[in-house]
Amino acid sequence: MEYQIHCLDAAKKLAPYADDLMQRSQRIMDQLVEVLPLSPMDFSLCPASHAETIPHGIGGYALSEHRVEIFFDTQRDDLLDCIERDYASVLVHEMHHAARIGVSAPQPDTLASAVVREGLACHFEQTMTGVVPSLFNALWDQDWRVLYQRMQPELHAPSYDMGLYLLGSQPDVFPRYAAYWVGYNIVQEYLQTGQLSELELVGVDSKVLIDFANGLL
């Protein structure tokens, strides 16, 4: 599988980190192409907008099966620490999204699909890095079943509030990363059944895991 890494940095904000990031990216991608069903891929490294707040210093998007973007908060004094701690996790996570886009049937844009998509990527991230996603540092005392039960009314609605369920826009209602936490636990429980492997789940229909999770309530 062919891939190309691009450092988009006309502003030179990534210059102190660029060589290290390219080397890290190469090492990670060489591992991922051996296990994920990735399509030919361009992915870019770029500075985040000065107006953007990134809780962990690094964020990313899978724009398609052929395109991933990773962006960095270059205003942070601790960005090198963020790269050491979280870059591999973010890249693995977004590459899982890209692989899923490429091999799965089109999924509805629902909360249910988001829960499954993020859960699969978070669990794969842990498998590849050996580190539990740092998103969950503040969620260990949250019962995922309780959160999932509360999501039920909007699970299959034609639209949903991404900020509420994924990004913590109303933390008194749902904690930040609630949908990620719920999805991760669903995937972990499902893998314990031995029905499908983690790699077989990359392209699975969301309904398979949602039906399974509903049976656990």
N, C-alpha and C. Protein backbone atom coordinates (compact mmCIF):
# COMPACT_ATOMS: atom_id res chain seq x y z
N MET A 1 0.85 -1.19 0.00
CA MET A 1 0.00 0.00 0.00
C MET A 1 0.89 1.24 0.00
N GLU A 2 0.66 2.12 -0.96
CA GLU A 2 1.48 3.32 -1.07
C GLU A 2 0.92 4.43 -0.20
N TYR A 3 1.80 5.13 0.48
CA TYR A 3 1.37 6.30 1.25
C TYR A 3 2.43 7.39 1.13
N GLN A 4 1.99 8.62 1.31
CA GLN A 4 2.89 9.76 1.29
C GLN A 4 2.61 10.63 2.50
N ILE A 5 3.67 11.12 3.12
CA ILE A 5 3.57 11.99 4.30
C ILE A 5 3.95 13.40 3.87
N HIS A 6 3.11 14.36 4.21
CA HIS A 6 3.34 15.74 3.81
C HIS A 6 3.38 16.62 5.06
N CYS A 7 4.38 17.45 5.17
CA CYS A 7 4.43 18.44 6.26
C CYS A 7 4.04 19.79 5.66
N LEU A 8 2.82 20.23 5.97
CA LEU A 8 2.28 21.48 5.43
C LEU A 8 2.55 22.59 6.44
N ASP A 9 3.63 23.31 6.22
CA ASP A 9 4.10 24.22 7.26
C ASP A 9 4.76 25.46 6.67
N ALA A 10 4.03 26.17 5.80
CA ALA A 10 4.58 27.40 5.24
C ALA A 10 4.92 28.41 6.33
N ALA A 11 4.19 28.36 7.44
CA ALA A 11 4.43 29.29 8.56
C ALA A 11 5.65 28.90 9.40
N LYS A 12 6.22 27.73 9.13
CA LYS A 12 7.41 27.25 9.84
C LYS A 12 7.17 27.02 11.34
N LYS A 13 5.92 26.83 11.71
CA LYS A 13 5.62 26.63 13.13
C LYS A 13 5.98 25.21 13.59
N LEU A 14 6.02 24.27 12.65
CA LEU A 14 6.39 22.90 13.01
C LEU A 14 7.88 22.63 12.80
N ALA A 15 8.62 23.62 12.36
CA ALA A 15 10.02 23.40 12.02
C ALA A 15 10.83 22.71 13.12
N PRO A 16 10.66 23.06 14.40
CA PRO A 16 11.46 22.40 15.44
C PRO A 16 11.13 20.91 15.62
N TYR A 17 9.99 20.49 15.09
CA TYR A 17 9.52 19.12 15.33
C TYR A 17 9.45 18.29 14.06
N ALA A 18 9.63 18.92 12.91
CA ALA A 18 9.30 18.28 11.64
C ALA A 18 10.09 17.00 11.38
N ASP A 19 11.39 17.03 11.56
CA ASP A 19 12.20 15.83 11.28
C ASP A 19 11.78 14.67 12.17
N ASP A 20 11.60 14.95 13.44
CA ASP A 20 11.19 13.91 14.38
C ASP A 20 9.82 13.36 14.01
N LEU A 21 8.89 14.24 13.65
CA LEU A 21 7.55 13.80 13.29
C LEU A 21 7.56 12.93 12.03
N MET A 22 8.36 13.29 11.06
CA MET A 22 8.43 12.49 9.84
C MET A 22 8.98 11.09 10.14
N GLN A 23 9.99 11.02 10.99
CA GLN A 23 10.54 9.71 11.35
C GLN A 23 9.54 8.87 12.13
N ARG A 24 8.87 9.50 13.09
CA ARG A 24 7.85 8.78 13.86
C ARG A 24 6.74 8.29 12.93
N SER A 25 6.32 9.16 12.04
CA SER A 25 5.23 8.81 11.13
C SER A 25 5.61 7.61 10.27
N GLN A 26 6.82 7.61 9.76
CA GLN A 26 7.29 6.51 8.93
C GLN A 26 7.26 5.19 9.71
N ARG A 27 7.75 5.21 10.93
CA ARG A 27 7.78 3.99 11.73
C ARG A 27 6.38 3.47 12.01
N ILE A 28 5.48 4.38 12.37
CA ILE A 28 4.11 3.96 12.69
C ILE A 28 3.41 3.43 11.45
N MET A 29 3.56 4.13 10.33
CA MET A 29 2.88 3.69 9.10
C MET A 29 3.41 2.34 8.62
N ASP A 30 4.69 2.11 8.78
CA ASP A 30 5.25 0.82 8.38
C ASP A 30 4.61 -0.32 9.17
N GLN A 31 4.22 -0.07 10.40
CA GLN A 31 3.50 -1.07 11.19
C GLN A 31 2.04 -1.19 10.75
N LEU A 32 1.41 -0.04 10.52
CA LEU A 32 -0.03 -0.05 10.23
C LEU A 32 -0.35 -0.70 8.89
N VAL A 33 0.50 -0.50 7.90
CA VAL A 33 0.20 -1.08 6.58
C VAL A 33 0.24 -2.60 6.62
N GLU A 34 0.87 -3.15 7.64
CA GLU A 34 0.92 -4.61 7.78
C GLU A 34 -0.35 -5.19 8.38
N VAL A 35 -1.15 -4.36 9.05
CA VAL A 35 -2.30 -4.91 9.78
C VAL A 35 -3.64 -4.30 9.37
N LEU A 36 -3.66 -3.04 8.95
CA LEU A 36 -4.93 -2.39 8.59
C LEU A 36 -5.16 -2.46 7.08
N PRO A 37 -6.41 -2.61 6.65
CA PRO A 37 -6.73 -2.60 5.22
C PRO A 37 -6.79 -1.17 4.69
N LEU A 38 -5.65 -0.52 4.64
CA LEU A 38 -5.59 0.88 4.23
C LEU A 38 -5.57 1.02 2.72
N SER A 39 -6.21 2.06 2.23
CA SER A 39 -6.14 2.44 0.82
C SER A 39 -4.89 3.30 0.60
N PRO A 40 -4.47 3.49 -0.66
CA PRO A 40 -3.38 4.44 -0.90
C PRO A 40 -3.69 5.76 -0.21
N MET A 41 -2.69 6.31 0.46
CA MET A 41 -2.96 7.32 1.48
C MET A 41 -2.01 8.51 1.38
N ASP A 42 -2.58 9.71 1.45
CA ASP A 42 -1.82 10.92 1.73
C ASP A 42 -2.20 11.38 3.12
N PHE A 43 -1.21 11.63 3.95
CA PHE A 43 -1.57 12.27 5.22
C PHE A 43 -0.61 13.41 5.50
N SER A 44 -1.18 14.42 6.13
CA SER A 44 -0.44 15.66 6.31
C SER A 44 -0.30 16.01 7.78
N LEU A 45 0.79 16.69 8.07
CA LEU A 45 1.08 17.24 9.39
C LEU A 45 1.04 18.76 9.24
N CYS A 46 0.31 19.44 10.10
CA CYS A 46 0.20 20.89 9.94
C CYS A 46 -0.08 21.56 11.29
N PRO A 47 0.24 22.84 11.42
CA PRO A 47 -0.10 23.57 12.64
C PRO A 47 -1.60 23.78 12.72
N ALA A 48 -2.13 23.73 13.92
CA ALA A 48 -3.54 24.06 14.14
C ALA A 48 -3.73 25.57 14.06
N SER A 49 -4.96 25.97 13.88
CA SER A 49 -5.30 27.39 13.92
C SER A 49 -4.95 27.97 15.29
N HIS A 50 -4.52 29.22 15.30
CA HIS A 50 -4.19 29.86 16.57
C HIS A 50 -5.42 30.01 17.46
N ALA A 51 -6.63 29.94 16.85
CA ALA A 51 -7.87 30.09 17.61
C ALA A 51 -8.41 28.77 18.13
N GLU A 52 -7.74 27.68 17.79
CA GLU A 52 -8.25 26.35 18.14
C GLU A 52 -7.64 25.85 19.44
N THR A 53 -8.49 25.31 20.30
CA THR A 53 -8.02 24.72 21.55
C THR A 53 -8.02 23.21 21.40
N ILE A 54 -6.88 22.58 21.60
CA ILE A 54 -6.75 21.13 21.47
C ILE A 54 -6.34 20.59 22.84
N PRO A 55 -7.24 19.90 23.53
CA PRO A 55 -6.95 19.51 24.92
C PRO A 55 -5.64 18.77 25.11
N HIS A 56 -5.28 17.90 24.16
CA HIS A 56 -4.06 17.10 24.32
C HIS A 56 -2.92 17.58 23.42
N GLY A 57 -3.13 18.73 22.75
CA GLY A 57 -2.06 19.30 21.95
C GLY A 57 -2.00 18.81 20.52
N ILE A 58 -2.64 17.66 20.24
CA ILE A 58 -2.61 17.05 18.91
C ILE A 58 -4.02 16.58 18.59
N GLY A 59 -4.47 16.84 17.37
CA GLY A 59 -5.77 16.36 16.92
C GLY A 59 -5.66 15.80 15.52
N GLY A 60 -6.76 15.29 15.01
CA GLY A 60 -6.71 14.72 13.67
C GLY A 60 -8.07 14.51 13.07
N TYR A 61 -8.08 14.34 11.74
CA TYR A 61 -9.29 14.03 10.99
C TYR A 61 -8.95 12.98 9.94
N ALA A 62 -9.85 12.02 9.76
CA ALA A 62 -9.81 11.16 8.59
C ALA A 62 -10.83 11.73 7.61
N LEU A 63 -10.36 12.38 6.58
CA LEU A 63 -11.24 13.05 5.63
C LEU A 63 -11.82 12.07 4.61
N SER A 64 -11.12 10.99 4.35
CA SER A 64 -11.58 9.94 3.45
C SER A 64 -10.67 8.75 3.66
N GLU A 65 -10.89 7.67 2.88
CA GLU A 65 -9.99 6.53 2.96
C GLU A 65 -8.61 6.86 2.41
N HIS A 66 -8.48 7.99 1.71
CA HIS A 66 -7.21 8.36 1.09
C HIS A 66 -6.54 9.57 1.73
N ARG A 67 -7.17 10.13 2.78
CA ARG A 67 -6.66 11.42 3.27
C ARG A 67 -6.85 11.57 4.77
N VAL A 68 -5.75 11.76 5.48
CA VAL A 68 -5.76 12.00 6.93
C VAL A 68 -4.95 13.26 7.22
N GLU A 69 -5.44 14.06 8.14
CA GLU A 69 -4.71 15.26 8.56
C GLU A 69 -4.49 15.21 10.06
N ILE A 70 -3.27 15.46 10.49
CA ILE A 70 -2.93 15.57 11.90
C ILE A 70 -2.45 17.00 12.15
N PHE A 71 -3.00 17.64 13.18
CA PHE A 71 -2.64 19.03 13.44
C PHE A 71 -2.16 19.20 14.87
N PHE A 72 -1.32 20.20 15.07
CA PHE A 72 -0.58 20.38 16.31
C PHE A 72 -0.77 21.80 16.84
N ASP A 73 -0.96 21.90 18.14
CA ASP A 73 -1.06 23.20 18.80
C ASP A 73 0.35 23.71 19.06
N THR A 74 0.88 24.46 18.12
CA THR A 74 2.27 24.91 18.22
C THR A 74 2.44 26.07 19.20
N GLN A 75 1.35 26.52 19.80
CA GLN A 75 1.45 27.56 20.83
C GLN A 75 1.79 26.98 22.20
N ARG A 76 1.72 25.66 22.32
CA ARG A 76 1.99 25.03 23.61
C ARG A 76 3.49 24.90 23.86
N ASP A 77 3.90 25.23 25.06
CA ASP A 77 5.31 25.07 25.43
C ASP A 77 5.67 23.60 25.60
N ASP A 78 4.66 22.77 25.86
CA ASP A 78 4.92 21.35 26.11
C ASP A 78 4.60 20.48 24.90
N LEU A 79 4.63 21.05 23.69
CA LEU A 79 4.24 20.27 22.51
C LEU A 79 5.13 19.05 22.32
N LEU A 80 6.42 19.16 22.61
CA LEU A 80 7.29 18.00 22.46
C LEU A 80 6.83 16.87 23.38
N ASP A 81 6.43 17.20 24.60
CA ASP A 81 5.90 16.18 25.51
C ASP A 81 4.61 15.58 24.95
N CYS A 82 3.77 16.42 24.36
CA CYS A 82 2.53 15.93 23.75
C CYS A 82 2.83 14.95 22.63
N ILE A 83 3.83 15.27 21.83
CA ILE A 83 4.21 14.39 20.72
C ILE A 83 4.71 13.05 21.26
N GLU A 84 5.57 13.11 22.26
CA GLU A 84 6.09 11.88 22.87
C GLU A 84 4.96 11.02 23.42
N ARG A 85 3.99 11.67 24.05
CA ARG A 85 2.94 10.96 24.76
C ARG A 85 1.80 10.49 23.84
N ASP A 86 1.39 11.35 22.90
CA ASP A 86 0.12 11.10 22.23
C ASP A 86 0.17 11.00 20.71
N TYR A 87 1.28 11.33 20.08
CA TYR A 87 1.25 11.35 18.61
C TYR A 87 0.93 9.99 18.01
N ALA A 88 1.58 8.95 18.49
CA ALA A 88 1.32 7.62 17.93
C ALA A 88 -0.14 7.25 18.09
N SER A 89 -0.71 7.55 19.25
CA SER A 89 -2.11 7.21 19.50
C SER A 89 -3.04 7.94 18.54
N VAL A 90 -2.80 9.23 18.33
CA VAL A 90 -3.66 10.01 17.43
C VAL A 90 -3.55 9.49 16.01
N LEU A 91 -2.34 9.22 15.55
CA LEU A 91 -2.17 8.75 14.17
C LEU A 91 -2.82 7.39 13.97
N VAL A 92 -2.61 6.47 14.89
CA VAL A 92 -3.24 5.15 14.79
C VAL A 92 -4.76 5.28 14.77
N HIS A 93 -5.29 6.12 15.64
CA HIS A 93 -6.74 6.33 15.74
C HIS A 93 -7.31 6.81 14.40
N GLU A 94 -6.68 7.82 13.81
CA GLU A 94 -7.21 8.38 12.57
C GLU A 94 -7.02 7.42 11.40
N MET A 95 -5.96 6.65 11.40
CA MET A 95 -5.76 5.67 10.33
C MET A 95 -6.80 4.55 10.42
N HIS A 96 -7.22 4.22 11.63
CA HIS A 96 -8.31 3.25 11.75
C HIS A 96 -9.58 3.81 11.13
N HIS A 97 -9.87 5.07 11.40
CA HIS A 97 -11.04 5.70 10.77
C HIS A 97 -10.94 5.62 9.25
N ALA A 98 -9.77 5.93 8.71
CA ALA A 98 -9.60 5.91 7.25
C ALA A 98 -9.80 4.51 6.70
N ALA A 99 -9.25 3.52 7.38
CA ALA A 99 -9.43 2.13 6.94
C ALA A 99 -10.90 1.74 6.97
N ARG A 100 -11.61 2.14 8.03
CA ARG A 100 -13.03 1.80 8.14
C ARG A 100 -13.85 2.46 7.03
N ILE A 101 -13.54 3.71 6.72
CA ILE A 101 -14.24 4.37 5.61
C ILE A 101 -14.06 3.58 4.33
N GLY A 102 -12.86 3.05 4.12
CA GLY A 102 -12.55 2.36 2.88
C GLY A 102 -13.18 0.99 2.73
N VAL A 103 -13.41 0.28 3.83
CA VAL A 103 -13.85 -1.11 3.72
C VAL A 103 -15.28 -1.36 4.19
N SER A 104 -15.89 -0.40 4.88
CA SER A 104 -17.25 -0.64 5.38
C SER A 104 -18.27 -0.06 4.42
N ALA A 105 -19.48 -0.61 4.48
CA ALA A 105 -20.58 -0.01 3.75
C ALA A 105 -20.85 1.36 4.34
N PRO A 106 -21.37 2.30 3.55
CA PRO A 106 -21.68 3.63 4.10
C PRO A 106 -22.55 3.51 5.35
N GLN A 107 -22.12 4.18 6.41
CA GLN A 107 -22.83 4.13 7.69
C GLN A 107 -23.68 5.39 7.86
N PRO A 108 -24.85 5.26 8.48
CA PRO A 108 -25.67 6.46 8.72
C PRO A 108 -24.95 7.41 9.67
N ASP A 109 -25.20 8.69 9.49
CA ASP A 109 -24.56 9.69 10.36
C ASP A 109 -25.39 9.85 11.62
N THR A 110 -25.28 8.84 12.49
CA THR A 110 -26.05 8.81 13.73
C THR A 110 -25.11 8.70 14.91
N LEU A 111 -25.66 8.93 16.09
CA LEU A 111 -24.88 8.75 17.31
C LEU A 111 -24.43 7.31 17.45
N ALA A 112 -25.28 6.36 17.06
CA ALA A 112 -24.91 4.94 17.14
C ALA A 112 -23.66 4.67 16.32
N SER A 113 -23.62 5.18 15.10
CA SER A 113 -22.44 4.98 14.25
C SER A 113 -21.20 5.64 14.85
N ALA A 114 -21.38 6.82 15.44
CA ALA A 114 -20.25 7.52 16.05
C ALA A 114 -19.70 6.74 17.24
N VAL A 115 -20.59 6.20 18.06
CA VAL A 115 -20.17 5.40 19.21
C VAL A 115 -19.33 4.22 18.75
N VAL A 116 -19.80 3.52 17.73
CA VAL A 116 -19.07 2.35 17.23
C VAL A 116 -17.75 2.77 16.58
N ARG A 117 -17.81 3.77 15.74
CA ARG A 117 -16.60 4.22 15.03
C ARG A 117 -15.50 4.62 16.01
N GLU A 118 -15.85 5.43 17.00
CA GLU A 118 -14.84 5.90 17.95
C GLU A 118 -14.40 4.79 18.89
N GLY A 119 -15.31 3.91 19.25
CA GLY A 119 -14.94 2.79 20.10
C GLY A 119 -13.95 1.86 19.44
N LEU A 120 -14.19 1.56 18.16
CA LEU A 120 -13.27 0.70 17.41
C LEU A 120 -11.89 1.35 17.30
N ALA A 121 -11.86 2.64 16.98
CA ALA A 121 -10.58 3.33 16.81
C ALA A 121 -9.82 3.43 18.13
N CYS A 122 -10.54 3.71 19.22
CA CYS A 122 -9.89 3.81 20.53
C CYS A 122 -9.31 2.47 20.96
N HIS A 123 -10.06 1.40 20.74
CA HIS A 123 -9.55 0.09 21.16
C HIS A 123 -8.35 -0.33 20.32
N PHE A 124 -8.41 -0.07 19.01
CA PHE A 124 -7.28 -0.41 18.14
C PHE A 124 -6.05 0.42 18.51
N GLU A 125 -6.28 1.66 18.84
CA GLU A 125 -5.21 2.55 19.32
C GLU A 125 -4.50 1.91 20.51
N GLN A 126 -5.26 1.39 21.45
CA GLN A 126 -4.67 0.74 22.62
C GLN A 126 -3.91 -0.52 22.21
N THR A 127 -4.48 -1.30 21.30
CA THR A 127 -3.83 -2.53 20.85
C THR A 127 -2.46 -2.24 20.24
N MET A 128 -2.38 -1.20 19.42
CA MET A 128 -1.15 -0.91 18.70
C MET A 128 -0.10 -0.22 19.57
N THR A 129 -0.53 0.61 20.50
CA THR A 129 0.43 1.39 21.30
C THR A 129 0.70 0.78 22.67
N GLY A 130 -0.21 -0.08 23.13
CA GLY A 130 -0.09 -0.63 24.47
C GLY A 130 -0.48 0.34 25.56
N VAL A 131 -1.09 1.46 25.17
CA VAL A 131 -1.47 2.51 26.12
C VAL A 131 -2.97 2.76 26.03
N VAL A 132 -3.64 2.78 27.17
CA VAL A 132 -5.06 3.12 27.19
C VAL A 132 -5.21 4.57 26.74
N PRO A 133 -6.15 4.88 25.85
CA PRO A 133 -6.29 6.25 25.36
C PRO A 133 -6.37 7.28 26.49
N SER A 134 -5.59 8.34 26.35
CA SER A 134 -5.56 9.36 27.39
C SER A 134 -6.89 10.10 27.51
N LEU A 135 -7.76 9.97 26.51
CA LEU A 135 -9.09 10.56 26.59
C LEU A 135 -9.84 10.08 27.82
N PHE A 136 -9.50 8.90 28.29
CA PHE A 136 -10.29 8.26 29.34
C PHE A 136 -9.77 8.54 30.75
N ASN A 137 -8.77 9.39 30.87
CA ASN A 137 -8.17 9.62 32.19
C ASN A 137 -9.18 10.08 33.23
N ALA A 138 -10.19 10.82 32.80
CA ALA A 138 -11.18 11.34 33.76
C ALA A 138 -12.49 10.55 33.74
N LEU A 139 -12.47 9.37 33.09
CA LEU A 139 -13.73 8.63 32.89
C LEU A 139 -13.79 7.28 33.61
N TRP A 140 -12.76 6.93 34.34
CA TRP A 140 -12.72 5.60 34.93
C TRP A 140 -13.84 5.35 35.92
N ASP A 141 -14.37 6.39 36.53
CA ASP A 141 -15.45 6.20 37.49
C ASP A 141 -16.83 6.29 36.84
N GLN A 142 -16.87 6.40 35.52
CA GLN A 142 -18.14 6.50 34.80
C GLN A 142 -18.58 5.11 34.33
N ASP A 143 -19.79 4.71 34.71
CA ASP A 143 -20.36 3.44 34.27
C ASP A 143 -20.85 3.60 32.83
N TRP A 144 -20.18 2.94 31.90
CA TRP A 144 -20.52 3.13 30.48
C TRP A 144 -21.94 2.70 30.18
N ARG A 145 -22.45 1.71 30.89
CA ARG A 145 -23.82 1.26 30.64
C ARG A 145 -24.83 2.35 30.98
N VAL A 146 -24.58 3.06 32.06
CA VAL A 146 -25.47 4.16 32.45
C VAL A 146 -25.45 5.25 31.39
N LEU A 147 -24.26 5.61 30.92
CA LEU A 147 -24.16 6.62 29.87
C LEU A 147 -24.85 6.15 28.60
N TYR A 148 -24.64 4.90 28.25
CA TYR A 148 -25.24 4.35 27.03
C TYR A 148 -26.76 4.33 27.13
N GLN A 149 -27.27 3.95 28.28
CA GLN A 149 -28.72 3.95 28.48
C GLN A 149 -29.29 5.35 28.28
N ARG A 150 -28.58 6.34 28.75
CA ARG A 150 -29.05 7.73 28.62
C ARG A 150 -28.96 8.24 27.18
N MET A 151 -28.13 7.60 26.37
CA MET A 151 -28.02 7.98 24.96
C MET A 151 -29.12 7.40 24.09
N GLN A 152 -29.84 6.41 24.60
CA GLN A 152 -30.79 5.66 23.79
C GLN A 152 -31.78 6.53 23.01
N PRO A 153 -32.38 7.57 23.60
CA PRO A 153 -33.39 8.32 22.85
C PRO A 153 -32.87 8.94 21.54
N GLU A 154 -31.58 9.24 21.47
CA GLU A 154 -31.04 9.88 20.27
C GLU A 154 -30.10 8.97 19.49
N LEU A 155 -30.02 7.71 19.87
CA LEU A 155 -29.02 6.82 19.28
C LEU A 155 -29.17 6.71 17.77
N HIS A 156 -30.40 6.64 17.28
CA HIS A 156 -30.63 6.44 15.84
C HIS A 156 -31.31 7.64 15.19
N ALA A 157 -31.34 8.76 15.88
CA ALA A 157 -31.95 9.97 15.32
C ALA A 157 -31.16 10.43 14.09
N PRO A 158 -31.83 11.07 13.12
CA PRO A 158 -31.14 11.50 11.89
C PRO A 158 -30.09 12.59 12.13
N SER A 159 -30.12 13.23 13.28
CA SER A 159 -29.07 14.18 13.64
C SER A 159 -28.85 14.11 15.15
N TYR A 160 -27.68 14.49 15.59
CA TYR A 160 -27.36 14.45 17.01
C TYR A 160 -26.37 15.56 17.33
N ASP A 161 -26.25 15.86 18.60
CA ASP A 161 -25.38 16.94 19.07
C ASP A 161 -23.98 16.37 19.34
N MET A 162 -23.09 16.54 18.39
CA MET A 162 -21.74 16.01 18.54
C MET A 162 -21.03 16.62 19.75
N GLY A 163 -21.23 17.90 19.96
CA GLY A 163 -20.60 18.56 21.09
C GLY A 163 -21.02 17.95 22.41
N LEU A 164 -22.29 17.61 22.53
CA LEU A 164 -22.82 17.05 23.78
C LEU A 164 -22.24 15.68 24.06
N TYR A 165 -22.27 14.79 23.07
CA TYR A 165 -21.93 13.39 23.30
C TYR A 165 -20.45 13.07 23.14
N LEU A 166 -19.75 13.84 22.31
CA LEU A 166 -18.35 13.53 22.05
C LEU A 166 -17.38 14.52 22.67
N LEU A 167 -17.74 15.80 22.72
CA LEU A 167 -16.75 16.83 23.03
C LEU A 167 -16.96 17.53 24.36
N GLY A 168 -17.99 17.16 25.11
CA GLY A 168 -18.16 17.72 26.44
C GLY A 168 -18.66 19.14 26.47
N SER A 169 -19.53 19.51 25.52
CA SER A 169 -20.03 20.89 25.50
C SER A 169 -20.94 21.20 26.69
N GLN A 170 -21.55 20.14 27.27
CA GLN A 170 -22.35 20.29 28.49
C GLN A 170 -21.90 19.22 29.49
N PRO A 171 -20.76 19.43 30.14
CA PRO A 171 -20.19 18.37 30.99
C PRO A 171 -21.07 17.98 32.17
N ASP A 172 -22.03 18.83 32.53
CA ASP A 172 -22.95 18.46 33.59
C ASP A 172 -24.01 17.47 33.10
N VAL A 173 -24.11 17.31 31.77
CA VAL A 173 -25.06 16.36 31.18
C VAL A 173 -24.34 15.07 30.76
N PHE A 174 -23.29 15.22 29.94
CA PHE A 174 -22.44 14.09 29.54
C PHE A 174 -20.99 14.54 29.66
N PRO A 175 -20.13 13.71 30.25
CA PRO A 175 -18.72 14.09 30.35
C PRO A 175 -18.06 14.13 28.98
N ARG A 176 -16.99 14.91 28.87
CA ARG A 176 -16.23 14.96 27.62
C ARG A 176 -15.79 13.55 27.22
N TYR A 177 -15.96 13.21 25.97
CA TYR A 177 -15.57 11.93 25.38
C TYR A 177 -16.49 10.78 25.80
N ALA A 178 -17.72 11.09 26.21
CA ALA A 178 -18.65 10.04 26.65
C ALA A 178 -18.86 8.99 25.57
N ALA A 179 -19.09 9.41 24.33
CA ALA A 179 -19.36 8.45 23.26
C ALA A 179 -18.14 7.57 22.98
N TYR A 180 -16.95 8.13 23.10
CA TYR A 180 -15.72 7.34 22.92
C TYR A 180 -15.64 6.26 24.00
N TRP A 181 -15.92 6.65 25.24
CA TRP A 181 -15.84 5.73 26.37
C TRP A 181 -16.86 4.60 26.24
N VAL A 182 -18.07 4.95 25.86
CA VAL A 182 -19.11 3.93 25.67
C VAL A 182 -18.70 2.98 24.56
N GLY A 183 -18.27 3.52 23.43
CA GLY A 183 -17.88 2.67 22.31
C GLY A 183 -16.71 1.77 22.62
N TYR A 184 -15.72 2.31 23.30
CA TYR A 184 -14.55 1.52 23.68
C TYR A 184 -14.95 0.32 24.54
N ASN A 185 -15.83 0.54 25.49
CA ASN A 185 -16.26 -0.55 26.36
C ASN A 185 -17.11 -1.57 25.63
N ILE A 186 -17.94 -1.12 24.70
CA ILE A 186 -18.72 -2.06 23.89
C ILE A 186 -17.78 -2.96 23.10
N VAL A 187 -16.78 -2.37 22.45
CA VAL A 187 -15.82 -3.16 21.67
C VAL A 187 -15.07 -4.13 22.57
N GLN A 188 -14.63 -3.67 23.72
CA GLN A 188 -13.90 -4.55 24.64
C GLN A 188 -14.75 -5.74 25.08
N GLU A 189 -16.01 -5.47 25.40
CA GLU A 189 -16.92 -6.56 25.79
C GLU A 189 -17.16 -7.51 24.62
N TYR A 190 -17.33 -6.97 23.42
CA TYR A 190 -17.60 -7.82 22.26
C TYR A 190 -16.40 -8.71 21.94
N LEU A 191 -15.21 -8.17 22.00
CA LEU A 191 -14.02 -8.97 21.69
C LEU A 191 -13.87 -10.14 22.65
N GLN A 192 -14.36 -9.99 23.86
CA GLN A 192 -14.27 -11.09 24.82
C GLN A 192 -15.15 -12.27 24.44
N THR A 193 -16.12 -12.05 23.54
CA THR A 193 -16.97 -13.16 23.09
C THR A 193 -16.26 -14.05 22.07
N GLY A 194 -15.21 -13.53 21.44
CA GLY A 194 -14.47 -14.31 20.46
C GLY A 194 -15.18 -14.48 19.13
N GLN A 195 -16.24 -13.74 18.88
CA GLN A 195 -17.00 -13.91 17.64
C GLN A 195 -16.24 -13.38 16.42
N LEU A 196 -15.68 -12.19 16.55
CA LEU A 196 -14.88 -11.59 15.48
C LEU A 196 -13.62 -11.01 16.09
N SER A 197 -12.55 -10.99 15.31
CA SER A 197 -11.31 -10.39 15.79
C SER A 197 -11.37 -8.87 15.63
N GLU A 198 -10.40 -8.20 16.23
CA GLU A 198 -10.37 -6.75 16.11
C GLU A 198 -10.22 -6.30 14.67
N LEU A 199 -9.43 -7.00 13.89
CA LEU A 199 -9.26 -6.62 12.49
C LEU A 199 -10.50 -6.94 11.67
N GLU A 200 -11.21 -8.00 12.02
CA GLU A 200 -12.47 -8.30 11.33
C GLU A 200 -13.54 -7.25 11.64
N LEU A 201 -13.40 -6.57 12.77
CA LEU A 201 -14.37 -5.54 13.14
C LEU A 201 -14.16 -4.22 12.40
N VAL A 202 -13.04 -4.06 11.72
CA VAL A 202 -12.76 -2.77 11.07
C VAL A 202 -13.92 -2.36 10.16
N GLY A 203 -14.43 -3.30 9.39
CA GLY A 203 -15.49 -2.97 8.44
C GLY A 203 -16.87 -3.39 8.86
N VAL A 204 -17.05 -3.79 10.11
CA VAL A 204 -18.34 -4.33 10.55
C VAL A 204 -19.41 -3.25 10.55
N ASP A 205 -20.64 -3.65 10.24
CA ASP A 205 -21.76 -2.73 10.32
C ASP A 205 -21.98 -2.32 11.77
N SER A 206 -22.23 -1.05 11.99
CA SER A 206 -22.43 -0.55 13.36
C SER A 206 -23.52 -1.33 14.09
N LYS A 207 -24.52 -1.78 13.34
CA LYS A 207 -25.67 -2.46 13.95
C LYS A 207 -25.25 -3.70 14.73
N VAL A 208 -24.20 -4.37 14.27
CA VAL A 208 -23.75 -5.59 14.95
C VAL A 208 -23.35 -5.28 16.39
N LEU A 209 -22.57 -4.23 16.58
CA LEU A 209 -22.11 -3.89 17.93
C LEU A 209 -23.19 -3.20 18.75
N ILE A 210 -24.05 -2.43 18.10
CA ILE A 210 -25.14 -1.79 18.83
C ILE A 210 -26.13 -2.83 19.33
N ASP A 211 -26.47 -3.80 18.50
CA ASP A 211 -27.37 -4.87 18.95
C ASP A 211 -26.75 -5.64 20.11
N PHE A 212 -25.45 -5.90 20.01
CA PHE A 212 -24.76 -6.59 21.10
C PHE A 212 -24.82 -5.78 22.38
N ALA A 213 -24.54 -4.48 22.27
CA ALA A 213 -24.54 -3.62 23.46
C ALA A 213 -25.92 -3.53 24.08
N ASN A 214 -26.95 -3.48 23.25
CA ASN A 214 -28.31 -3.41 23.78
C ASN A 214 -28.64 -4.65 24.62
N GLY A 215 -28.04 -5.77 24.25
CA GLY A 215 -28.26 -6.99 25.01
C GLY A 215 -27.57 -7.00 26.35
N LEU A 216 -26.68 -6.05 26.58
CA LEU A 216 -25.96 -5.98 27.86
C LEU A 216 -26.65 -5.06 28.87
N LEU A 217 -27.66 -4.33 28.42
CA LEU A 217 -28.33 -3.39 29.32
C LEU A 217 -29.31 -4.11 30.23
